[in-house]
PDB file of N, CA and C in Angstrom:
ATOM      1  N   UNK A   1     -55.134 124.165 -30.573  1.00  0.00           N
ATOM      2  CA  UNK A   1     -55.166 125.373 -31.459  1.00  0.00           C
ATOM      3  C   UNK A   1     -54.227 125.882 -30.645  1.00  0.00           C
ATOM      4  N   UNK A   2     -53.621 126.517 -31.789  1.00  0.00           N
ATOM      5  CA  UNK A   2     -52.397 127.588 -31.377  1.00  0.00           C
ATOM      6  C   UNK A   2     -52.871 128.798 -31.625  1.00  0.00           C
ATOM      7  N   UNK A   3     -52.437 129.819 -30.922  1.00  0.00           N
ATOM      8  CA  UNK A   3     -52.420 131.581 -31.081  1.00  0.00           C
ATOM      9  C   UNK A   3     -51.071 132.485 -31.435  1.00  0.00           C
ATOM     10  N   UNK A   4     -51.862 133.463 -32.423  1.00  0.00           N
ATOM     11  CA  UNK A   4     -51.136 133.612 -33.381  1.00  0.00           C
ATOM     12  C   UNK A   4     -51.497 134.875 -33.630  1.00  0.00           C
ATOM     13  N   UNK A   5     -50.090 136.087 -33.945  1.00  0.00           N
ATOM     14  CA  UNK A   5     -50.854 137.103 -33.576  1.00  0.00           C
ATOM     15  C   UNK A   5     -49.854 138.030 -34.560  1.00  0.00           C
ATOM     16  N   UNK A   6     -49.949 139.616 -35.234  1.00  0.00           N
ATOM     17  CA  UNK A   6     -49.547 139.875 -36.016  1.00  0.00           C
ATOM     18  C   UNK A   6     -49.566 142.193 -35.502  1.00  0.00           C
ATOM     19  N   UNK A   7     -48.338 142.467 -35.740  1.00  0.00           N
ATOM     20  CA  UNK A   7     -48.541 143.819 -35.347  1.00  0.00           C
ATOM     21  C   UNK A   7     -47.715 144.196 -36.862  1.00  0.00           C
ATOM     22  N   UNK A   8     -48.747 145.163 -37.451  1.00  0.00           N
ATOM     23  CA  UNK A   8     -47.895 146.165 -38.830  1.00  0.00           C
ATOM     24  C   UNK A   8     -47.472 147.313 -38.556  1.00  0.00           C
ATOM     25  N   UNK A   9     -46.362 148.324 -38.834  1.00  0.00           N
ATOM     26  CA  UNK A   9     -46.306 149.871 -38.333  1.00  0.00           C
ATOM     27  C   UNK A   9     -45.854 150.598 -39.511  1.00  0.00           C
ATOM     28  N   UNK A  10     -46.442 151.506 -40.423  1.00  0.00           N
ATOM     29  CA  UNK A  10     -45.490 152.330 -41.162  1.00  0.00           C
ATOM     30  C   UNK A  10     -44.639 152.825 -40.880  1.00  0.00           C
ATOM     31  N   UNK A  11     -44.004 153.416 -41.777  1.00  0.00           N
ATOM     32  CA  UNK A  11     -42.830 154.668 -41.840  1.00  0.00           C
ATOM     33  C   UNK A  11     -43.280 155.522 -40.511  1.00  0.00           C
ATOM     34  N   UNK A  12     -44.337 156.168 -40.870  1.00  0.00           N
ATOM     35  CA  UNK A  12     -44.542 157.125 -40.432  1.00  0.00           C
ATOM     36  C   UNK A  12     -45.108 157.262 -38.420  1.00  0.00           C
ATOM     37  N   UNK A  13     -45.691 155.697 -38.402  1.00  0.00           N
ATOM     38  CA  UNK A  13     -46.703 155.543 -37.074  1.00  0.00           C
ATOM     39  C   UNK A  13     -45.737 156.128 -36.269  1.00  0.00           C
ATOM     40  N   UNK A  14     -46.762 156.829 -35.146  1.00  0.00           N
ATOM     41  CA  UNK A  14     -45.736 157.539 -33.801  1.00  0.00           C
ATOM     42  C   UNK A  14     -45.886 156.287 -33.377  1.00  0.00           C
ATOM     43  N   UNK A  15     -45.275 155.170 -33.434  1.00  0.00           N
ATOM     44  CA  UNK A  15     -45.196 154.127 -32.331  1.00  0.00           C
ATOM     45  C   UNK A  15     -44.316 153.800 -31.522  1.00  0.00           C
ATOM     46  N   UNK A  16     -44.178 154.524 -30.152  1.00  0.00           N
ATOM     47  CA  UNK A  16     -42.468 154.971 -29.265  1.00  0.00           C
ATOM     48  C   UNK A  16     -42.078 152.891 -28.582  1.00  0.00           C
ATOM     49  N   UNK A  17     -41.149 152.743 -28.867  1.00  0.00           N
ATOM     50  CA  UNK A  17     -40.932 151.047 -29.114  1.00  0.00           C
ATOM     51  C   UNK A  17     -41.695 150.914 -27.353  1.00  0.00           C
ATOM     52  N   UNK A  18     -41.136 151.614 -26.604  1.00  0.00           N
ATOM     53  CA  UNK A  18     -41.668 151.540 -25.458  1.00  0.00           C
ATOM     54  C   UNK A  18     -43.235 150.834 -24.841  1.00  0.00           C
ATOM     55  N   UNK A  19     -44.229 151.741 -26.183  1.00  0.00           N
ATOM     56  CA  UNK A  19     -45.548 151.458 -27.018  1.00  0.00           C
ATOM     57  C   UNK A  19     -45.680 149.891 -27.539  1.00  0.00           C
ATOM     58  N   UNK A  20     -44.625 149.804 -27.969  1.00  0.00           N
ATOM     59  CA  UNK A  20     -44.484 148.618 -28.865  1.00  0.00           C
ATOM     60  C   UNK A  20     -44.109 147.113 -28.219  1.00  0.00           C
ATOM     61  N   UNK A  21     -43.495 147.440 -27.762  1.00  0.00           N
ATOM     62  CA  UNK A  21     -42.761 146.487 -26.617  1.00  0.00           C
ATOM     63  C   UNK A  21     -43.706 145.793 -25.675  1.00  0.00           C
ATOM     64  N   UNK A  22     -44.806 146.874 -24.770  1.00  0.00           N
ATOM     65  CA  UNK A  22     -45.284 146.419 -24.128  1.00  0.00           C
ATOM     66  C   UNK A  22     -46.816 146.060 -24.940  1.00  0.00           C
ATOM     67  N   UNK A  23     -47.269 146.210 -26.457  1.00  0.00           N
ATOM     68  CA  UNK A  23     -47.691 145.777 -27.309  1.00  0.00           C
ATOM     69  C   UNK A  23     -47.720 144.253 -27.621  1.00  0.00           C
ATOM     70  N   UNK A  24     -46.513 143.870 -27.952  1.00  0.00           N
ATOM     71  CA  UNK A  24     -46.120 142.413 -28.298  1.00  0.00           C
ATOM     72  C   UNK A  24     -46.264 141.680 -27.116  1.00  0.00           C
ATOM     73  N   UNK A  25     -45.407 142.682 -25.831  1.00  0.00           N
ATOM     74  CA  UNK A  25     -45.335 141.244 -24.452  1.00  0.00           C
ATOM     75  C   UNK A  25     -47.354 141.067 -23.863  1.00  0.00           C
ATOM     76  N   UNK A  26     -48.225 141.945 -24.914  1.00  0.00           N
ATOM     77  CA  UNK A  26     -49.568 141.919 -23.820  1.00  0.00           C
ATOM     78  C   UNK A  26     -50.445 140.647 -24.730  1.00  0.00           C
ATOM     79  N   UNK A  27     -50.406 140.902 -26.464  1.00  0.00           N
ATOM     80  CA  UNK A  27     -50.677 139.982 -26.962  1.00  0.00           C
ATOM     81  C   UNK A  27     -49.976 138.302 -26.395  1.00  0.00           C
ATOM     82  N   UNK A  28     -48.628 138.569 -26.629  1.00  0.00           N
ATOM     83  CA  UNK A  28     -48.317 137.219 -26.152  1.00  0.00           C
ATOM     84  C   UNK A  28     -48.693 136.220 -25.140  1.00  0.00           C
ATOM     85  N   UNK A  29     -48.749 137.334 -24.461  1.00  0.00           N
ATOM     86  CA  UNK A  29     -50.359 136.570 -22.893  1.00  0.00           C
ATOM     87  C   UNK A  29     -50.954 136.348 -23.645  1.00  0.00           C
ATOM     88  N   UNK A  30     -51.979 136.979 -23.834  1.00  0.00           N
ATOM     89  CA  UNK A  30     -52.923 136.584 -24.407  1.00  0.00           C
ATOM     90  C   UNK A  30     -53.341 135.530 -25.405  1.00  0.00           C
ATOM     91  N   UNK A  31     -52.069 135.141 -26.349  1.00  0.00           N
ATOM     92  CA  UNK A  31     -52.054 134.240 -26.311  1.00  0.00           C
ATOM     93  C   UNK A  31     -51.995 133.096 -26.168  1.00  0.00           C
ATOM     94  N   UNK A  32     -50.902 132.581 -24.872  1.00  0.00           N
ATOM     95  CA  UNK A  32     -51.023 131.836 -24.647  1.00  0.00           C
ATOM     96  C   UNK A  32     -51.768 131.120 -24.078  1.00  0.00           C
ATOM     97  N   UNK A  33     -53.259 130.982 -24.674  1.00  0.00           N
ATOM     98  CA  UNK A  33     -54.282 130.378 -23.678  1.00  0.00           C
ATOM     99  C   UNK A  33     -54.544 129.629 -24.629  1.00  0.00           C
ATOM    100  N   UNK A  34     -54.031 129.728 -25.763  1.00  0.00           N
ATOM    101  CA  UNK A  34     -54.380 129.334 -27.378  1.00  0.00           C
ATOM    102  C   UNK A  34     -53.558 128.390 -27.199  1.00  0.00           C
ATOM    103  N   UNK A  35     -51.874 128.345 -26.258  1.00  0.00           N
ATOM    104  CA  UNK A  35     -51.028 126.835 -26.570  1.00  0.00           C
ATOM    105  C   UNK A  35     -49.737 127.678 -25.765  1.00  0.00           C
ATOM    106  N   UNK A  36     -48.845 126.477 -24.943  1.00  0.00           N
ATOM    107  CA  UNK A  36     -48.158 126.375 -23.861  1.00  0.00           C
ATOM    108  C   UNK A  36     -47.261 125.989 -23.995  1.00  0.00           C
ATOM    109  N   UNK A  37     -46.329 124.984 -24.691  1.00  0.00           N
ATOM    110  CA  UNK A  37     -45.625 124.516 -24.989  1.00  0.00           C
ATOM    111  C   UNK A  37     -44.592 125.126 -26.588  1.00  0.00           C
ATOM    112  N   UNK A  38     -45.185 125.384 -27.049  1.00  0.00           N
ATOM    113  CA  UNK A  38     -43.891 126.899 -27.483  1.00  0.00           C
ATOM    114  C   UNK A  38     -44.191 127.933 -27.871  1.00  0.00           C
ATOM    115  N   UNK A  39     -43.094 128.683 -28.264  1.00  0.00           N
ATOM    116  CA  UNK A  39     -43.795 130.603 -28.537  1.00  0.00           C
ATOM    117  C   UNK A  39     -42.436 131.107 -29.667  1.00  0.00           C
ATOM    118  N   UNK A  40     -42.828 131.269 -30.256  1.00  0.00           N
ATOM    119  CA  UNK A  40     -41.806 132.789 -30.951  1.00  0.00           C
ATOM    120  C   UNK A  40     -42.145 133.780 -31.799  1.00  0.00           C
ATOM    121  N   UNK A  41     -41.246 134.909 -32.151  1.00  0.00           N
ATOM    122  CA  UNK A  41     -41.938 136.053 -33.340  1.00  0.00           C
ATOM    123  C   UNK A  41     -40.783 135.678 -34.413  1.00  0.00           C
ATOM    124  N   UNK A  42     -40.902 136.853 -35.017  1.00  0.00           N
ATOM    125  CA  UNK A  42     -40.715 137.028 -36.282  1.00  0.00           C
ATOM    126  C   UNK A  42     -40.803 138.360 -36.326  1.00  0.00           C
ATOM    127  N   UNK A  43     -39.622 139.754 -36.941  1.00  0.00           N
ATOM    128  CA  UNK A  43     -39.867 141.160 -36.893  1.00  0.00           C
ATOM    129  C   UNK A  43     -38.672 141.077 -37.620  1.00  0.00           C
ATOM    130  N   UNK A  44     -39.276 141.524 -39.189  1.00  0.00           N
ATOM    131  CA  UNK A  44     -38.691 142.834 -40.078  1.00  0.00           C
ATOM    132  C   UNK A  44     -38.552 143.858 -39.952  1.00  0.00           C
ATOM    133  N   UNK A  45     -37.964 144.770 -40.042  1.00  0.00           N
ATOM    134  CA  UNK A  45     -38.065 146.527 -39.762  1.00  0.00           C
ATOM    135  C   UNK A  45     -37.326 146.675 -40.908  1.00  0.00           C
ATOM    136  N   UNK A  46     -37.305 148.235 -41.204  1.00  0.00           N
ATOM    137  CA  UNK A  46     -36.966 148.849 -42.324  1.00  0.00           C
ATOM    138  C   UNK A  46     -35.887 149.588 -42.305  1.00  0.00           C
ATOM    139  N   UNK A  47     -35.080 149.506 -41.079  1.00  0.00           N
ATOM    140  CA  UNK A  47     -33.079 149.781 -41.896  1.00  0.00           C
ATOM    141  C   UNK A  47     -32.431 148.723 -42.053  1.00  0.00           C
ATOM    142  N   UNK A  48     -32.096 148.082 -41.780  1.00  0.00           N
ATOM    143  CA  UNK A  48     -32.129 146.741 -41.871  1.00  0.00           C
ATOM    144  C   UNK A  48     -32.720 145.556 -42.980  1.00  0.00           C
ATOM    145  N   UNK A  49     -33.828 145.632 -43.155  1.00  0.00           N
ATOM    146  CA  UNK A  49     -34.452 144.897 -44.360  1.00  0.00           C
ATOM    147  C   UNK A  49     -34.746 143.380 -43.619  1.00  0.00           C
ATOM    148  N   UNK A  50     -33.463 143.067 -42.364  1.00  0.00           N
ATOM    149  CA  UNK A  50     -33.736 141.608 -41.877  1.00  0.00           C
ATOM    150  C   UNK A  50     -33.980 140.576 -41.703  1.00  0.00           C
ATOM    151  N   UNK A  51     -34.948 139.373 -41.364  1.00  0.00           N
ATOM    152  CA  UNK A  51     -35.935 139.381 -40.946  1.00  0.00           C
ATOM    153  C   UNK A  51     -35.306 137.600 -39.649  1.00  0.00           C
ATOM    154  N   UNK A  52     -35.763 139.215 -38.793  1.00  0.00           N
ATOM    155  CA  UNK A  52     -34.788 138.861 -36.890  1.00  0.00           C
ATOM    156  C   UNK A  52     -36.080 137.757 -36.824  1.00  0.00           C
ATOM    157  N   UNK A  53     -35.418 136.339 -36.188  1.00  0.00           N
ATOM    158  CA  UNK A  53     -36.171 135.188 -36.119  1.00  0.00           C
ATOM    159  C   UNK A  53     -35.927 135.152 -34.356  1.00  0.00           C
ATOM    160  N   UNK A  54     -36.681 133.964 -33.283  1.00  0.00           N
ATOM    161  CA  UNK A  54     -36.400 134.012 -31.714  1.00  0.00           C
ATOM    162  C   UNK A  54     -37.048 132.471 -31.502  1.00  0.00           C
ATOM    163  N   UNK A  55     -37.375 131.857 -30.737  1.00  0.00           N
ATOM    164  CA  UNK A  55     -38.210 130.963 -30.679  1.00  0.00           C
ATOM    165  C   UNK A  55     -37.334 130.146 -29.705  1.00  0.00           C
ATOM    166  N   UNK A  56     -38.047 129.157 -28.928  1.00  0.00           N
ATOM    167  CA  UNK A  56     -38.307 128.002 -28.333  1.00  0.00           C
ATOM    168  C   UNK A  56     -38.846 127.675 -27.276  1.00  0.00           C
ATOM    169  N   UNK A  57     -38.732 126.481 -26.973  1.00  0.00           N
ATOM    170  CA  UNK A  57     -39.799 125.197 -26.586  1.00  0.00           C
ATOM    171  C   UNK A  57     -40.065 125.393 -24.620  1.00  0.00           C
ATOM    172  N   UNK A  58     -40.441 126.889 -24.587  1.00  0.00           N
ATOM    173  CA  UNK A  58     -41.075 127.326 -23.363  1.00  0.00           C
ATOM    174  C   UNK A  58     -42.136 128.269 -23.467  1.00  0.00           C
ATOM    175  N   UNK A  59     -42.882 128.252 -22.738  1.00  0.00           N
ATOM    176  CA  UNK A  59     -44.296 130.313 -22.874  1.00  0.00           C
ATOM    177  C   UNK A  59     -43.588 130.834 -22.871  1.00  0.00           C
ATOM    178  N   UNK A  60     -45.094 131.295 -23.836  1.00  0.00           N
ATOM    179  CA  UNK A  60     -45.242 133.091 -24.156  1.00  0.00           C
ATOM    180  C   UNK A  60     -43.948 133.508 -22.611  1.00  0.00           C
ATOM    181  N   UNK A  61     -45.233 133.343 -21.662  1.00  0.00           N
ATOM    182  CA  UNK A  61     -44.949 133.875 -20.954  1.00  0.00           C
ATOM    183  C   UNK A  61     -43.553 134.162 -20.197  1.00  0.00           C
ATOM    184  N   UNK A  62     -42.898 132.694 -20.573  1.00  0.00           N
ATOM    185  CA  UNK A  62     -41.050 133.022 -20.192  1.00  0.00           C
ATOM    186  C   UNK A  62     -40.347 133.059 -21.181  1.00  0.00           C
ATOM    187  N   UNK A  63     -40.966 132.860 -22.330  1.00  0.00           N
ATOM    188  CA  UNK A  63     -40.168 133.705 -23.608  1.00  0.00           C
ATOM    189  C   UNK A  63     -39.145 135.481 -23.275  1.00  0.00           C
ATOM    190  N   UNK A  64     -41.017 136.236 -23.049  1.00  0.00           N
ATOM    191  CA  UNK A  64     -40.516 137.973 -22.834  1.00  0.00           C
ATOM    192  C   UNK A  64     -40.052 137.720 -21.499  1.00  0.00           C
ATOM    193  N   UNK A  65     -39.538 136.961 -20.847  1.00  0.00           N
ATOM    194  CA  UNK A  65     -38.855 137.225 -19.530  1.00  0.00           C
ATOM    195  C   UNK A  65     -37.498 136.666 -19.441  1.00  0.00           C
ATOM    196  N   UNK A  66     -37.077 136.094 -20.746  1.00  0.00           N
ATOM    197  CA  UNK A  66     -35.647 135.269 -21.138  1.00  0.00           C
ATOM    198  C   UNK A  66     -34.444 136.555 -21.347  1.00  0.00           C
ATOM    199  N   UNK A  67     -33.362 136.293 -20.754  1.00  0.00           N
ATOM    200  CA  UNK A  67     -32.568 138.063 -21.625  1.00  0.00           C
ATOM    201  C   UNK A  67     -32.362 136.822 -23.158  1.00  0.00           C
ATOM    202  N   UNK A  68     -33.054 135.833 -23.366  1.00  0.00           N
ATOM    203  CA  UNK A  68     -32.559 136.259 -25.148  1.00  0.00           C
ATOM    204  C   UNK A  68     -33.265 136.577 -25.824  1.00  0.00           C
ATOM    205  N   UNK A  69     -34.689 136.506 -25.301  1.00  0.00           N
ATOM    206  CA  UNK A  69     -36.349 137.731 -25.820  1.00  0.00           C
ATOM    207  C   UNK A  69     -34.929 139.311 -25.514  1.00  0.00           C
ATOM    208  N   UNK A  70     -34.740 139.907 -24.890  1.00  0.00           N
ATOM    209  CA  UNK A  70     -34.504 141.057 -24.811  1.00  0.00           C
ATOM    210  C   UNK A  70     -33.052 141.464 -26.038  1.00  0.00           C
ATOM    211  N   UNK A  71     -31.673 140.077 -25.788  1.00  0.00           N
ATOM    212  CA  UNK A  71     -31.273 140.957 -27.009  1.00  0.00           C
ATOM    213  C   UNK A  71     -32.114 140.043 -28.285  1.00  0.00           C
ATOM    214  N   UNK A  72     -32.593 139.671 -28.196  1.00  0.00           N
ATOM    215  CA  UNK A  72     -33.298 139.006 -30.188  1.00  0.00           C
ATOM    216  C   UNK A  72     -34.440 140.852 -30.040  1.00  0.00           C
ATOM    217  N   UNK A  73     -35.416 141.708 -29.292  1.00  0.00           N
ATOM    218  CA  UNK A  73     -35.352 142.776 -28.939  1.00  0.00           C
ATOM    219  C   UNK A  73     -34.909 143.896 -29.780  1.00  0.00           C
ATOM    220  N   UNK A  74     -33.555 144.043 -28.925  1.00  0.00           N
ATOM    221  CA  UNK A  74     -32.898 145.579 -29.029  1.00  0.00           C
ATOM    222  C   UNK A  74     -31.884 144.666 -30.688  1.00  0.00           C
ATOM    223  N   UNK A  75     -31.549 143.530 -31.072  1.00  0.00           N
ATOM    224  CA  UNK A  75     -31.299 143.649 -32.693  1.00  0.00           C
ATOM    225  C   UNK A  75     -32.469 143.362 -33.339  1.00  0.00           C
ATOM    226  N   UNK A  76     -33.648 143.287 -33.051  1.00  0.00           N
ATOM    227  CA  UNK A  76     -34.783 143.381 -34.300  1.00  0.00           C
ATOM    228  C   UNK A  76     -34.959 144.957 -34.140  1.00  0.00           C
ATOM    229  N   UNK A  77     -35.381 145.488 -33.709  1.00  0.00           N
ATOM    230  CA  UNK A  77     -35.448 146.971 -33.100  1.00  0.00           C
ATOM    231  C   UNK A  77     -34.812 147.878 -33.082  1.00  0.00           C
ATOM    232  N   UNK A  78     -33.729 147.476 -33.010  1.00  0.00           N
ATOM    233  CA  UNK A  78     -33.003 149.024 -32.777  1.00  0.00           C
ATOM    234  C   UNK A  78     -32.511 149.659 -34.030  1.00  0.00           C
ATOM    235  N   UNK A  79     -31.886 149.017 -35.327  1.00  0.00           N
ATOM    236  CA  UNK A  79     -31.848 149.735 -36.036  1.00  0.00           C
ATOM    237  C   UNK A  79     -32.771 150.699 -36.420  1.00  0.00           C
ATOM    238  N   UNK A  80     -34.169 149.904 -36.044  1.00  0.00           N
ATOM    239  CA  UNK A  80     -35.388 150.624 -37.281  1.00  0.00           C
ATOM    240  C   UNK A  80     -35.919 152.274 -35.805  1.00  0.00           C
ATOM    241  N   UNK A  81     -35.402 151.766 -34.760  1.00  0.00           N
ATOM    242  CA  UNK A  81     -35.717 153.015 -33.500  1.00  0.00           C
ATOM    243  C   UNK A  81     -34.426 153.728 -34.022  1.00  0.00           C
ATOM    244  N   UNK A  82     -32.981 153.229 -34.486  1.00  0.00           N
ATOM    245  CA  UNK A  82     -31.973 154.568 -34.365  1.00  0.00           C
ATOM    246  C   UNK A  82     -31.960 155.507 -35.222  1.00  0.00           C
ATOM    247  N   UNK A  83     -32.957 154.880 -36.013  1.00  0.00           N
ATOM    248  CA  UNK A  83     -32.448 155.360 -37.725  1.00  0.00           C
ATOM    249  C   UNK A  83     -33.446 156.244 -37.687  1.00  0.00           C
ATOM    250  N   UNK A  84     -34.991 156.354 -36.828  1.00  0.00           N
ATOM    251  CA  UNK A  84     -35.856 157.381 -37.045  1.00  0.00           C
ATOM    252  C   UNK A  84     -36.995 156.293 -37.450  1.00  0.00           C
ATOM    253  N   UNK A  85     -36.827 155.200 -38.233  1.00  0.00           N
ATOM    254  CA  UNK A  85     -37.575 154.851 -38.995  1.00  0.00           C
ATOM    255  C   UNK A  85     -38.467 153.639 -38.265  1.00  0.00           C
ATOM    256  N   UNK A  86     -39.632 153.289 -38.772  1.00  0.00           N
ATOM    257  CA  UNK A  86     -40.335 152.786 -37.459  1.00  0.00           C
ATOM    258  C   UNK A  86     -40.841 152.091 -37.581  1.00  0.00           C
ATOM    259  N   UNK A  87     -40.649 151.596 -39.138  1.00  0.00           N
ATOM    260  CA  UNK A  87     -41.774 151.039 -40.069  1.00  0.00           C
ATOM    261  C   UNK A  87     -41.477 149.137 -40.140  1.00  0.00           C
ATOM    262  N   UNK A  88     -41.897 148.569 -39.626  1.00  0.00           N
ATOM    263  CA  UNK A  88     -42.313 147.228 -38.789  1.00  0.00           C
ATOM    264  C   UNK A  88     -43.063 146.089 -39.327  1.00  0.00           C
ATOM    265  N   UNK A  89     -42.877 144.594 -39.631  1.00  0.00           N
ATOM    266  CA  UNK A  89     -43.860 143.668 -39.257  1.00  0.00           C
ATOM    267  C   UNK A  89     -43.615 142.659 -38.708  1.00  0.00           C
ATOM    268  N   UNK A  90     -44.550 142.015 -37.510  1.00  0.00           N
ATOM    269  CA  UNK A  90     -44.228 140.918 -36.825  1.00  0.00           C
ATOM    270  C   UNK A  90     -44.776 139.956 -36.259  1.00  0.00           C
ATOM    271  N   UNK A  91     -44.912 138.912 -36.767  1.00  0.00           N
ATOM    272  CA  UNK A  91     -45.759 137.946 -36.686  1.00  0.00           C
ATOM    273  C   UNK A  91     -44.912 136.749 -35.303  1.00  0.00           C
ATOM    274  N   UNK A  92     -46.580 136.634 -34.563  1.00  0.00           N
ATOM    275  CA  UNK A  92     -45.377 135.058 -33.450  1.00  0.00           C
ATOM    276  C   UNK A  92     -46.504 134.290 -33.134  1.00  0.00           C
ATOM    277  N   UNK A  93     -45.981 133.471 -32.327  1.00  0.00           N
ATOM    278  CA  UNK A  93     -46.896 132.610 -31.941  1.00  0.00           C
ATOM    279  C   UNK A  93     -46.839 131.916 -31.391  1.00  0.00           C
ATOM    280  N   UNK A  94     -48.294 131.120 -30.032  1.00  0.00           N
ATOM    281  CA  UNK A  94     -47.762 130.025 -29.399  1.00  0.00           C
ATOM    282  C   UNK A  94     -48.108 128.439 -29.421  1.00  0.00           C
ATOM    283  N   UNK A  95     -47.753 128.378 -29.490  1.00  0.00           N
ATOM    284  CA  UNK A  95     -47.935 126.336 -29.781  1.00  0.00           C
ATOM    285  C   UNK A  95     -48.386 125.960 -28.953  1.00  0.00           C
ATOM    286  N   UNK A  96     -49.701 124.977 -29.518  1.00  0.00           N
ATOM    287  CA  UNK A  96     -50.364 124.195 -28.857  1.00  0.00           C
ATOM    288  C   UNK A  96     -49.597 122.481 -29.048  1.00  0.00           C
ATOM    289  N   UNK A  97     -49.011 121.835 -28.884  1.00  0.00           N
ATOM    290  CA  UNK A  97     -47.944 120.912 -29.723  1.00  0.00           C
ATOM    291  C   UNK A  97     -49.662 119.682 -30.024  1.00  0.00           C
ATOM    292  N   UNK A  98     -49.556 119.442 -31.668  1.00  0.00           N
ATOM    293  CA  UNK A  98     -50.848 118.402 -31.427  1.00  0.00           C
ATOM    294  C   UNK A  98     -50.117 117.926 -32.584  1.00  0.00           C
ATOM    295  N   UNK A  99     -48.839 117.452 -33.250  1.00  0.00           N
ATOM    296  CA  UNK A  99     -47.867 116.961 -34.465  1.00  0.00           C
ATOM    297  C   UNK A  99     -46.857 117.297 -34.175  1.00  0.00           C
ATOM    298  N   UNK A 100     -45.369 116.651 -33.992  1.00  0.00           N
ATOM    299  CA  UNK A 100     -44.468 116.635 -33.398  1.00  0.00           C
ATOM    300  C   UNK A 100     -43.703 117.232 -31.942  1.00  0.00           C
ATOM    301  N   UNK A 101     -43.265 116.878 -31.635  1.00  0.00           N
ATOM    302  CA  UNK A 101     -42.345 117.251 -30.846  1.00  0.00           C
ATOM    303  C   UNK A 101     -41.615 118.797 -30.490  1.00  0.00           C
ATOM    304  N   UNK A 102     -42.243 119.803 -29.393  1.00  0.00           N
ATOM    305  CA  UNK A 102     -41.569 120.831 -29.143  1.00  0.00           C
ATOM    306  C   UNK A 102     -40.391 121.302 -29.203  1.00  0.00           C
ATOM    307  N   UNK A 103     -39.665 119.663 -28.046  1.00  0.00           N
ATOM    308  CA  UNK A 103     -38.383 119.759 -28.436  1.00  0.00           C
ATOM    309  C   UNK A 103     -37.430 119.996 -29.102  1.00  0.00           C
ATOM    310  N   UNK A 104     -37.782 119.562 -30.244  1.00  0.00           N
ATOM    311  CA  UNK A 104     -37.034 119.587 -31.572  1.00  0.00           C
ATOM    312  C   UNK A 104     -37.767 121.124 -32.265  1.00  0.00           C
ATOM    313  N   UNK A 105     -36.282 121.970 -31.872  1.00  0.00           N
ATOM    314  CA  UNK A 105     -37.158 123.665 -32.545  1.00  0.00           C
ATOM    315  C   UNK A 105     -37.586 123.520 -33.627  1.00  0.00           C
ATOM    316  N   UNK A 106     -37.302 122.609 -34.550  1.00  0.00           N
ATOM    317  CA  UNK A 106     -37.902 122.877 -36.558  1.00  0.00           C
ATOM    318  C   UNK A 106     -39.574 122.508 -35.760  1.00  0.00           C
ATOM    319  N   UNK A 107     -39.690 121.992 -34.988  1.00  0.00           N
ATOM    320  CA  UNK A 107     -41.138 121.833 -35.188  1.00  0.00           C
ATOM    321  C   UNK A 107     -42.055 123.204 -35.286  1.00  0.00           C
ATOM    322  N   UNK A 108     -40.960 124.092 -34.199  1.00  0.00           N
ATOM    323  CA  UNK A 108     -42.237 125.503 -33.740  1.00  0.00           C
ATOM    324  C   UNK A 108     -42.898 126.700 -34.220  1.00  0.00           C
ATOM    325  N   UNK A 109     -42.684 127.269 -34.398  1.00  0.00           N
ATOM    326  CA  UNK A 109     -43.088 128.122 -34.753  1.00  0.00           C
ATOM    327  C   UNK A 109     -42.246 129.548 -34.245  1.00  0.00           C
ATOM    328  N   UNK A 110     -41.937 130.634 -35.464  1.00  0.00           N
ATOM    329  CA  UNK A 110     -41.900 130.845 -37.025  1.00  0.00           C
ATOM    330  C   UNK A 110     -41.406 129.757 -37.157  1.00  0.00           C
ATOM    331  N   UNK A 111     -41.247 129.004 -38.187  1.00  0.00           N
ATOM    332  CA  UNK A 111     -40.562 127.946 -39.715  1.00  0.00           C
ATOM    333  C   UNK A 111     -40.217 129.212 -40.199  1.00  0.00           C
ATOM    334  N   UNK A 112     -38.913 128.877 -40.613  1.00  0.00           N
ATOM    335  CA  UNK A 112     -38.094 130.431 -41.631  1.00  0.00           C
ATOM    336  C   UNK A 112     -37.625 129.060 -43.020  1.00  0.00           C
ATOM    337  N   UNK A 113     -37.930 128.790 -43.681  1.00  0.00           N
ATOM    338  CA  UNK A 113     -37.128 127.956 -44.669  1.00  0.00           C
ATOM    339  C   UNK A 113     -36.326 128.659 -45.969  1.00  0.00           C
TER     340      UNK A 113
END
């Protein structure tokens, strides 16, 4: 079984960026008990309406400590927090491999088509 979580925030939500990042980090750690072979997250903010995605064949606890993840958060959250709008949607995944190798990143979530 895999671990999946999401966060939705309205534009008027009082959700400081440090609190949001902390919530994502804690939820990733909790979801890792459901799968450690790969992890990923997709975020869409109100500012640029772009879907930002990062994923890798590493446990969530490693992903959230990586420089790539820090860059991802800056790119995904930066526009929404710089324009004062805090509206966003995020969904994340910790994978337990049952079919298809995690070494092929197209098998890892989130899948974007």
